[in-house]
Amino acid sequence: MPVEVTWWGHATCTIEDSGVRVLTDPLFVRRFAHLRRRRGEVPPPQAAVAEVVLVSHLHSDHLHLPSLARVAPGTRLIVPSGAVAAVPGLRVLRRVRRLHVTEVRAGEEVRVGEVRVRAVPAAHDGRRLPVGPRRVPALGYVVEGEARTYFAGDTGLFDGMAEAVGAVDVALLPVGGWGPYLGQGHLDPARAAEALTRLGPRSAVPVHYGTYWPIGLDGVRPHEFHAPGEEFVRHAAKRAPEVTVHLLGHGERVRPEAGR
């Protein structure tokens, strides 16, 4: 099959298409800030091997500087426009790790080997901090090679979603989060199933759930940690039965149906 997807946990995935490895929102630690990894091993060193790394937005569970420092020197890093000014650590990575940092806006494309990466809008607060002064927009990405794979990053549903994203074969959709409650700008299992009806992919992989959880809150709404993947499967079967959903374990890979 033309594309292979590995889910490493949270929003971290490897998309392999046309000989190009694309890594999304790398998070390679057992604990950071008030969160700890409760399921799945920390990804192995080979998870950091990629030709290009996509960062969807500036929240520290998506733009994690120590994890970005693990990728090889010379790797291309694609980030939302304004990210370098908002996160000075990116300048350090560019200088010390010799990462090729490219800032993009929704609608712009970057060619990497045999694939094209197109930035698309996301409905999410993309600031580095909740009260941060720089409003850097959050993005999703469509990776197009033999297949068209949509990595949504963090997003809610939004008007014109199907038109902005375009036709895709595989959708990597967030279905949960890292705490007992989801705020605005997120997809829960039901809303992610609604996204399937709008996007019409052949296959989908649920991500962004069941990995990190706040320390000391294990007993608070634990179903929000354990259940989103299975709930998405159930909602998708009702709302979009023509879509094949692949429920992956941490570190598991799949070659989804992605023919045009």
C-alpha atoms as a PDB file:
ATOM      1  CA  MET A   1       0.000   0.000   0.000  1.00  0.00           C
ATOM      2  CA  PRO A   2       1.216   3.520  -0.712  1.00  0.00           C
ATOM      3  CA  VAL A   3       1.175   5.007   2.808  1.00  0.00           C
ATOM      4  CA  GLU A   4       2.040   3.707   6.278  1.00  0.00           C
ATOM      5  CA  VAL A   5       1.091   5.410   9.541  1.00  0.00           C
ATOM      6  CA  THR A   6       2.626   4.787  12.968  1.00  0.00           C
ATOM      7  CA  TRP A   7       1.022   6.234  16.096  1.00  0.00           C
ATOM      8  CA  TRP A   8       3.564   6.877  18.844  1.00  0.00           C
ATOM      9  CA  GLY A   9       1.041   8.404  21.255  1.00  0.00           C
ATOM     10  CA  HIS A  10      -0.728  11.734  21.733  1.00  0.00           C
ATOM     11  CA  ALA A  11      -0.423  13.670  18.427  1.00  0.00           C
ATOM     12  CA  THR A  12       2.910  12.108  17.467  1.00  0.00           C
ATOM     13  CA  CYS A  13       2.730  10.054  14.269  1.00  0.00           C
ATOM     14  CA  THR A  14       5.024   8.979  11.471  1.00  0.00           C
ATOM     15  CA  ILE A  15       3.591   9.107   7.968  1.00  0.00           C
ATOM     16  CA  GLU A  16       5.648   7.227   5.385  1.00  0.00           C
ATOM     17  CA  ASP A  17       4.781   7.950   1.767  1.00  0.00           C
ATOM     18  CA  SER A  18       6.839   7.787  -1.428  1.00  0.00           C
ATOM     19  CA  GLY A  19      10.035   7.130   0.521  1.00  0.00           C
ATOM     20  CA  VAL A  20       9.593  10.211   2.752  1.00  0.00           C
ATOM     21  CA  ARG A  21       9.162   9.978   6.530  1.00  0.00           C
ATOM     22  CA  VAL A  22       6.999  12.744   7.991  1.00  0.00           C
ATOM     23  CA  LEU A  23       6.888  13.165  11.789  1.00  0.00           C
ATOM     24  CA  THR A  24       4.050  15.087  13.463  1.00  0.00           C
ATOM     25  CA  ASP A  25       4.138  17.056  16.737  1.00  0.00           C
ATOM     26  CA  PRO A  26       6.909  14.977  18.361  1.00  0.00           C
ATOM     27  CA  LEU A  27       6.594  14.408  22.108  1.00  0.00           C
ATOM     28  CA  PHE A  28       9.244  11.981  23.349  1.00  0.00           C
ATOM     29  CA  VAL A  29       9.169  12.267  27.145  1.00  0.00           C
ATOM     30  CA  ARG A  30       7.674  10.376  30.047  1.00  0.00           C
ATOM     31  CA  ARG A  31       6.777  13.524  31.956  1.00  0.00           C
ATOM     32  CA  PHE A  32       6.625  17.268  31.340  1.00  0.00           C
ATOM     33  CA  ALA A  33       5.031  20.113  33.261  1.00  0.00           C
ATOM     34  CA  HIS A  34       2.047  18.632  35.148  1.00  0.00           C
ATOM     35  CA  LEU A  35       1.546  15.721  32.749  1.00  0.00           C
ATOM     36  CA  ARG A  36       2.913  12.203  32.811  1.00  0.00           C
ATOM     37  CA  ARG A  37       2.710   9.434  30.271  1.00  0.00           C
ATOM     38  CA  ARG A  38       0.298   6.840  31.587  1.00  0.00           C
ATOM     39  CA  ARG A  39       0.104   4.508  28.582  1.00  0.00           C
ATOM     40  CA  GLY A  40       2.644   3.382  26.006  1.00  0.00           C
ATOM     41  CA  GLU A  41       6.411   3.441  26.177  1.00  0.00           C
ATOM     42  CA  VAL A  42       8.354   6.564  25.306  1.00  0.00           C
ATOM     43  CA  PRO A  43       8.965   6.302  21.548  1.00  0.00           C
ATOM     44  CA  PRO A  44      12.295   4.688  20.596  1.00  0.00           C
ATOM     45  CA  PRO A  45      15.107   6.629  18.902  1.00  0.00           C
ATOM     46  CA  GLN A  46      14.006   5.570  15.415  1.00  0.00           C
ATOM     47  CA  ALA A  47      10.765   7.503  15.945  1.00  0.00           C
ATOM     48  CA  ALA A  48      12.784  10.714  15.671  1.00  0.00           C
ATOM     49  CA  VAL A  49      14.104   9.800  12.216  1.00  0.00           C
ATOM     50  CA  ALA A  50      12.312  11.809   9.539  1.00  0.00           C
ATOM     51  CA  GLU A  51      12.940  13.960   6.501  1.00  0.00           C
ATOM     52  CA  VAL A  52      10.445  16.558   7.716  1.00  0.00           C
ATOM     53  CA  VAL A  53       8.761  17.381  11.029  1.00  0.00           C
ATOM     54  CA  LEU A  54       5.360  19.095  11.133  1.00  0.00           C
ATOM     55  CA  VAL A  55       4.352  21.246  14.110  1.00  0.00           C
ATOM     56  CA  SER A  56       0.663  22.115  14.195  1.00  0.00           C
ATOM     57  CA  HIS A  57       0.695  24.843  16.847  1.00  0.00           C
ATOM     58  CA  LEU A  58       2.679  26.274  19.730  1.00  0.00           C
ATOM     59  CA  HIS A  59       1.215  24.528  22.777  1.00  0.00           C
ATOM     60  CA  SER A  60       4.002  22.705  24.577  1.00  0.00           C
ATOM     61  CA  ASP A  61       2.474  19.253  24.051  1.00  0.00           C
ATOM     62  CA  HIS A  62       2.747  19.871  20.292  1.00  0.00           C
ATOM     63  CA  LEU A  63       5.813  22.118  20.026  1.00  0.00           C
ATOM     64  CA  HIS A  64       8.080  20.471  22.596  1.00  0.00           C
ATOM     65  CA  LEU A  65      11.601  21.818  22.258  1.00  0.00           C
ATOM     66  CA  PRO A  66      13.486  18.942  23.995  1.00  0.00           C
ATOM     67  CA  SER A  67      11.740  16.445  21.685  1.00  0.00           C
ATOM     68  CA  LEU A  68      12.542  18.525  18.601  1.00  0.00           C
ATOM     69  CA  ALA A  69      16.173  18.510  19.721  1.00  0.00           C
ATOM     70  CA  ARG A  70      16.211  14.722  19.202  1.00  0.00           C
ATOM     71  CA  VAL A  71      15.706  14.887  15.446  1.00  0.00           C
ATOM     72  CA  ALA A  72      18.782  14.713  13.232  1.00  0.00           C
ATOM     73  CA  PRO A  73      20.673  17.853  12.209  1.00  0.00           C
ATOM     74  CA  GLY A  74      19.549  19.092   8.822  1.00  0.00           C
ATOM     75  CA  THR A  75      15.945  17.908   9.224  1.00  0.00           C
ATOM     76  CA  ARG A  76      13.320  20.278   7.822  1.00  0.00           C
ATOM     77  CA  LEU A  77      10.904  21.644  10.403  1.00  0.00           C
ATOM     78  CA  ILE A  78       7.615  23.166   9.237  1.00  0.00           C
ATOM     79  CA  VAL A  79       5.864  25.457  11.719  1.00  0.00           C
ATOM     80  CA  PRO A  80       3.054  28.041  11.629  1.00  0.00           C
ATOM     81  CA  SER A  81       3.987  31.518  10.498  1.00  0.00           C
ATOM     82  CA  GLY A  82       5.186  33.582  13.461  1.00  0.00           C
ATOM     83  CA  ALA A  83       6.375  30.600  15.491  1.00  0.00           C
ATOM     84  CA  VAL A  84      10.057  31.558  15.508  1.00  0.00           C
ATOM     85  CA  ALA A  85       9.319  35.008  16.926  1.00  0.00           C
ATOM     86  CA  ALA A  86       6.945  33.549  19.525  1.00  0.00           C
ATOM     87  CA  VAL A  87       9.235  30.692  20.637  1.00  0.00           C
ATOM     88  CA  PRO A  88      12.882  31.849  20.810  1.00  0.00           C
ATOM     89  CA  GLY A  89      14.009  28.267  21.430  1.00  0.00           C
ATOM     90  CA  LEU A  90      13.339  27.569  17.764  1.00  0.00           C
ATOM     91  CA  ARG A  91      16.155  29.966  16.885  1.00  0.00           C
ATOM     92  CA  VAL A  92      18.466  27.953  19.130  1.00  0.00           C
ATOM     93  CA  LEU A  93      17.455  24.692  17.433  1.00  0.00           C
ATOM     94  CA  ARG A  94      17.987  26.266  14.033  1.00  0.00           C
ATOM     95  CA  ARG A  95      21.476  27.388  15.008  1.00  0.00           C
ATOM     96  CA  VAL A  96      22.696  24.542  17.245  1.00  0.00           C
ATOM     97  CA  ARG A  97      20.891  21.576  15.665  1.00  0.00           C
ATOM     98  CA  ARG A  98      20.972  23.079  12.156  1.00  0.00           C
ATOM     99  CA  LEU A  99      17.276  22.419  11.609  1.00  0.00           C
ATOM    100  CA  HIS A 100      15.856  23.996   8.461  1.00  0.00           C
ATOM    101  CA  VAL A 101      12.870  25.884   9.863  1.00  0.00           C
ATOM    102  CA  THR A 102      10.151  26.866   7.384  1.00  0.00           C
ATOM    103  CA  GLU A 103       7.199  28.989   8.487  1.00  0.00           C
ATOM    104  CA  VAL A 104       3.943  28.538   6.567  1.00  0.00           C
ATOM    105  CA  ARG A 105       0.429  29.943   6.414  1.00  0.00           C
ATOM    106  CA  ALA A 106      -2.736  28.062   5.540  1.00  0.00           C
ATOM    107  CA  GLY A 107      -2.776  27.339   1.816  1.00  0.00           C
ATOM    108  CA  GLU A 108       0.996  27.305   1.377  1.00  0.00           C
ATOM    109  CA  GLU A 109       2.883  24.190   0.234  1.00  0.00           C
ATOM    110  CA  VAL A 110       6.375  22.829   0.836  1.00  0.00           C
ATOM    111  CA  ARG A 111       7.931  20.160  -1.347  1.00  0.00           C
ATOM    112  CA  VAL A 112       9.965  17.474   0.442  1.00  0.00           C
ATOM    113  CA  GLY A 113      11.328  14.794  -1.851  1.00  0.00           C
ATOM    114  CA  GLU A 114       8.409  13.097  -3.578  1.00  0.00           C
ATOM    115  CA  VAL A 115       5.717  14.533  -1.301  1.00  0.00           C
ATOM    116  CA  ARG A 116       4.021  17.889  -0.963  1.00  0.00           C
ATOM    117  CA  VAL A 117       3.012  19.250   2.432  1.00  0.00           C
ATOM    118  CA  ARG A 118       0.119  21.718   2.357  1.00  0.00           C
ATOM    119  CA  ALA A 119      -0.849  23.747   5.414  1.00  0.00           C
ATOM    120  CA  VAL A 120      -4.579  23.990   6.129  1.00  0.00           C
ATOM    121  CA  PRO A 121      -6.551  25.945   8.757  1.00  0.00           C
ATOM    122  CA  ALA A 122      -7.411  24.640  12.218  1.00  0.00           C
ATOM    123  CA  ALA A 123      -9.956  25.958  14.722  1.00  0.00           C
ATOM    124  CA  HIS A 124      -7.748  26.116  17.818  1.00  0.00           C
ATOM    125  CA  ASP A 125      -5.984  28.727  19.939  1.00  0.00           C
ATOM    126  CA  GLY A 126      -2.410  28.455  18.703  1.00  0.00           C
ATOM    127  CA  ARG A 127      -0.676  30.732  21.214  1.00  0.00           C
ATOM    128  CA  ARG A 128       2.295  29.407  23.187  1.00  0.00           C
ATOM    129  CA  LEU A 129       0.622  30.324  26.470  1.00  0.00           C
ATOM    130  CA  PRO A 130      -3.076  30.804  27.279  1.00  0.00           C
ATOM    131  CA  VAL A 131      -2.416  34.523  27.729  1.00  0.00           C
ATOM    132  CA  GLY A 132       0.456  34.774  25.260  1.00  0.00           C
ATOM    133  CA  PRO A 133       0.629  38.023  23.277  1.00  0.00           C
ATOM    134  CA  ARG A 134       1.403  36.464  19.899  1.00  0.00           C
ATOM    135  CA  ARG A 135      -1.594  34.993  18.116  1.00  0.00           C
ATOM    136  CA  VAL A 136       0.130  32.442  15.925  1.00  0.00           C
ATOM    137  CA  PRO A 137      -2.576  30.499  14.074  1.00  0.00           C
ATOM    138  CA  ALA A 138      -2.862  26.748  14.543  1.00  0.00           C
ATOM    139  CA  LEU A 139      -2.615  24.601  11.422  1.00  0.00           C
ATOM    140  CA  GLY A 140      -3.315  21.139  10.098  1.00  0.00           C
ATOM    141  CA  TYR A 141      -1.396  19.587   7.213  1.00  0.00           C
ATOM    142  CA  VAL A 142      -2.143  17.449   4.186  1.00  0.00           C
ATOM    143  CA  VAL A 143       0.748  15.224   3.115  1.00  0.00           C
ATOM    144  CA  GLU A 144       0.356  14.281  -0.534  1.00  0.00           C
ATOM    145  CA  GLY A 145       2.408  11.610  -2.270  1.00  0.00           C
ATOM    146  CA  GLU A 146       0.911   8.318  -3.370  1.00  0.00           C
ATOM    147  CA  ALA A 147      -1.886   9.116  -0.909  1.00  0.00           C
ATOM    148  CA  ARG A 148      -3.321  12.262   0.638  1.00  0.00           C
ATOM    149  CA  THR A 149      -3.030  12.098   4.431  1.00  0.00           C
ATOM    150  CA  TYR A 150      -4.613  14.767   6.639  1.00  0.00           C
ATOM    151  CA  PHE A 151      -3.014  15.439  10.017  1.00  0.00           C
ATOM    152  CA  ALA A 152      -5.464  17.678  11.846  1.00  0.00           C
ATOM    153  CA  GLY A 153      -3.248  18.696  14.771  1.00  0.00           C
ATOM    154  CA  ASP A 154      -5.679  20.165  17.300  1.00  0.00           C
ATOM    155  CA  THR A 155      -8.912  21.522  15.877  1.00  0.00           C
ATOM    156  CA  GLY A 156     -12.607  21.856  16.357  1.00  0.00           C
ATOM    157  CA  LEU A 157     -15.142  21.634  13.573  1.00  0.00           C
ATOM    158  CA  PHE A 158     -15.345  24.779  11.466  1.00  0.00           C
ATOM    159  CA  ASP A 159     -17.320  26.095   8.532  1.00  0.00           C
ATOM    160  CA  GLY A 160     -15.675  25.295   5.225  1.00  0.00           C
ATOM    161  CA  MET A 161     -13.603  22.483   6.722  1.00  0.00           C
ATOM    162  CA  ALA A 162     -14.061  20.161   3.743  1.00  0.00           C
ATOM    163  CA  GLU A 163     -13.192  22.893   1.248  1.00  0.00           C
ATOM    164  CA  ALA A 164     -10.120  24.008   3.195  1.00  0.00           C
ATOM    165  CA  VAL A 165      -8.735  20.497   3.676  1.00  0.00           C
ATOM    166  CA  GLY A 166      -9.735  19.155   0.263  1.00  0.00           C
ATOM    167  CA  ALA A 167     -10.028  15.543  -0.814  1.00  0.00           C
ATOM    168  CA  VAL A 168      -8.071  13.165   1.427  1.00  0.00           C
ATOM    169  CA  ASP A 169      -7.571   9.418   1.617  1.00  0.00           C
ATOM    170  CA  VAL A 170      -6.497   9.083   5.257  1.00  0.00           C
ATOM    171  CA  ALA A 171      -7.479  11.303   8.204  1.00  0.00           C
ATOM    172  CA  LEU A 172      -5.510  11.402  11.471  1.00  0.00           C
ATOM    173  CA  LEU A 173      -8.058  13.001  13.802  1.00  0.00           C
ATOM    174  CA  PRO A 174      -7.791  14.059  17.457  1.00  0.00           C
ATOM    175  CA  VAL A 175     -10.542  12.469  19.533  1.00  0.00           C
ATOM    176  CA  GLY A 176      -9.592  13.467  23.088  1.00  0.00           C
ATOM    177  CA  GLY A 177      -6.982  15.334  25.081  1.00  0.00           C
ATOM    178  CA  TRP A 178      -4.798  15.180  28.158  1.00  0.00           C
ATOM    179  CA  GLY A 179      -7.264  16.181  30.879  1.00  0.00           C
ATOM    180  CA  PRO A 180     -10.727  15.478  32.285  1.00  0.00           C
ATOM    181  CA  TYR A 181     -12.392  18.192  30.190  1.00  0.00           C
ATOM    182  CA  LEU A 182     -11.998  19.338  26.601  1.00  0.00           C
ATOM    183  CA  GLY A 183     -12.142  23.046  25.941  1.00  0.00           C
ATOM    184  CA  GLN A 184     -13.148  24.808  22.767  1.00  0.00           C
ATOM    185  CA  GLY A 185     -11.170  24.044  19.657  1.00  0.00           C
ATOM    186  CA  HIS A 186     -11.051  20.278  20.148  1.00  0.00           C
ATOM    187  CA  LEU A 187     -12.751  17.229  18.692  1.00  0.00           C
ATOM    188  CA  ASP A 188     -14.329  14.645  20.941  1.00  0.00           C
ATOM    189  CA  PRO A 189     -15.296  11.245  19.492  1.00  0.00           C
ATOM    190  CA  ALA A 190     -18.690  12.433  18.260  1.00  0.00           C
ATOM    191  CA  ARG A 191     -17.353  15.599  16.650  1.00  0.00           C
ATOM    192  CA  ALA A 192     -14.483  13.657  15.089  1.00  0.00           C
ATOM    193  CA  ALA A 193     -17.057  11.306  13.530  1.00  0.00           C
ATOM    194  CA  GLU A 194     -18.871  14.362  12.202  1.00  0.00           C
ATOM    195  CA  ALA A 195     -15.563  15.476  10.665  1.00  0.00           C
ATOM    196  CA  LEU A 196     -15.486  12.170   8.780  1.00  0.00           C
ATOM    197  CA  THR A 197     -18.844  12.958   7.188  1.00  0.00           C
ATOM    198  CA  ARG A 198     -17.481  16.292   6.006  1.00  0.00           C
ATOM    199  CA  LEU A 199     -14.089  15.082   4.780  1.00  0.00           C
ATOM    200  CA  GLY A 200     -15.039  11.695   3.331  1.00  0.00           C
ATOM    201  CA  PRO A 201     -11.703   9.880   3.706  1.00  0.00           C
ATOM    202  CA  ARG A 202     -11.357   6.176   2.962  1.00  0.00           C
ATOM    203  CA  SER A 203      -9.569   5.528   6.275  1.00  0.00           C
ATOM    204  CA  ALA A 204      -9.121   7.211   9.639  1.00  0.00           C
ATOM    205  CA  VAL A 205      -6.835   6.856  12.657  1.00  0.00           C
ATOM    206  CA  PRO A 206      -7.833   8.385  16.028  1.00  0.00           C
ATOM    207  CA  VAL A 207      -5.013  10.197  17.839  1.00  0.00           C
ATOM    208  CA  HIS A 208      -4.494  12.704  20.678  1.00  0.00           C
ATOM    209  CA  TYR A 209      -5.922  10.625  23.525  1.00  0.00           C
ATOM    210  CA  GLY A 210      -4.991   7.933  26.026  1.00  0.00           C
ATOM    211  CA  THR A 211      -1.348   8.924  26.506  1.00  0.00           C
ATOM    212  CA  TYR A 212      -0.774  11.835  28.930  1.00  0.00           C
ATOM    213  CA  TRP A 213      -2.790  12.777  31.991  1.00  0.00           C
ATOM    214  CA  PRO A 214      -2.358  15.348  34.784  1.00  0.00           C
ATOM    215  CA  ILE A 215      -0.511  14.093  37.831  1.00  0.00           C
ATOM    216  CA  GLY A 216      -2.899  13.449  40.705  1.00  0.00           C
ATOM    217  CA  LEU A 217      -6.061  13.373  38.599  1.00  0.00           C
ATOM    218  CA  ASP A 218      -6.183   9.675  37.774  1.00  0.00           C
ATOM    219  CA  GLY A 219      -9.607   9.302  39.387  1.00  0.00           C
ATOM    220  CA  VAL A 220     -11.225  12.354  37.793  1.00  0.00           C
ATOM    221  CA  ARG A 221     -13.370  11.393  34.775  1.00  0.00           C
ATOM    222  CA  PRO A 222     -11.010   8.530  33.835  1.00  0.00           C
ATOM    223  CA  HIS A 223     -13.210   7.579  30.872  1.00  0.00           C
ATOM    224  CA  GLU A 224     -11.911  10.707  29.138  1.00  0.00           C
ATOM    225  CA  PHE A 225      -8.491   9.033  29.156  1.00  0.00           C
ATOM    226  CA  HIS A 226      -9.444   5.441  28.367  1.00  0.00           C
ATOM    227  CA  ALA A 227     -12.551   5.611  26.190  1.00  0.00           C
ATOM    228  CA  PRO A 228     -12.178   8.133  23.318  1.00  0.00           C
ATOM    229  CA  GLY A 229     -10.656   5.692  20.820  1.00  0.00           C
ATOM    230  CA  GLU A 230     -13.364   3.076  21.209  1.00  0.00           C
ATOM    231  CA  GLU A 231     -16.081   5.743  21.314  1.00  0.00           C
ATOM    232  CA  PHE A 232     -14.802   7.185  18.044  1.00  0.00           C
ATOM    233  CA  VAL A 233     -15.005   3.728  16.454  1.00  0.00           C
ATOM    234  CA  ARG A 234     -18.642   3.457  17.543  1.00  0.00           C
ATOM    235  CA  HIS A 235     -19.622   6.938  16.408  1.00  0.00           C
ATOM    236  CA  ALA A 236     -17.812   6.511  13.092  1.00  0.00           C
ATOM    237  CA  ALA A 237     -19.631   3.236  12.426  1.00  0.00           C
ATOM    238  CA  LYS A 238     -22.949   5.080  12.757  1.00  0.00           C
ATOM    239  CA  ARG A 239     -22.089   8.385  11.075  1.00  0.00           C
ATOM    240  CA  ALA A 240     -19.585   7.297   8.413  1.00  0.00           C
ATOM    241  CA  PRO A 241     -19.807   3.509   7.937  1.00  0.00           C
ATOM    242  CA  GLU A 242     -17.947   3.705   4.626  1.00  0.00           C
ATOM    243  CA  VAL A 243     -14.774   4.870   6.427  1.00  0.00           C
ATOM    244  CA  THR A 244     -12.390   2.190   7.707  1.00  0.00           C
ATOM    245  CA  VAL A 245     -11.199   3.163  11.199  1.00  0.00           C
ATOM    246  CA  HIS A 246      -7.865   1.814  12.436  1.00  0.00           C
ATOM    247  CA  LEU A 247      -7.636   1.839  16.247  1.00  0.00           C
ATOM    248  CA  LEU A 248      -3.901   1.649  16.930  1.00  0.00           C
ATOM    249  CA  GLY A 249      -1.955   0.879  20.052  1.00  0.00           C
ATOM    250  CA  HIS A 250       1.063   2.965  20.967  1.00  0.00           C
ATOM    251  CA  GLY A 251       3.890   2.231  18.553  1.00  0.00           C
ATOM    252  CA  GLU A 252       1.589   0.283  16.225  1.00  0.00           C
ATOM    253  CA  ARG A 253       1.573   0.919  12.497  1.00  0.00           C
ATOM    254  CA  VAL A 254      -0.934   0.373   9.740  1.00  0.00           C
ATOM    255  CA  ARG A 255      -1.091   0.566   5.972  1.00  0.00           C
ATOM    256  CA  PRO A 256      -4.543   2.105   5.571  1.00  0.00           C
ATOM    257  CA  GLU A 257      -6.653   1.805   2.491  1.00  0.00           C
ATOM    258  CA  ALA A 258      -5.782   4.890   0.528  1.00  0.00           C
ATOM    259  CA  GLY A 259      -6.515   4.319  -3.145  1.00  0.00           C
ATOM    260  CA  ARG A 260      -7.775   7.229  -5.218  1.00  0.00           C
END
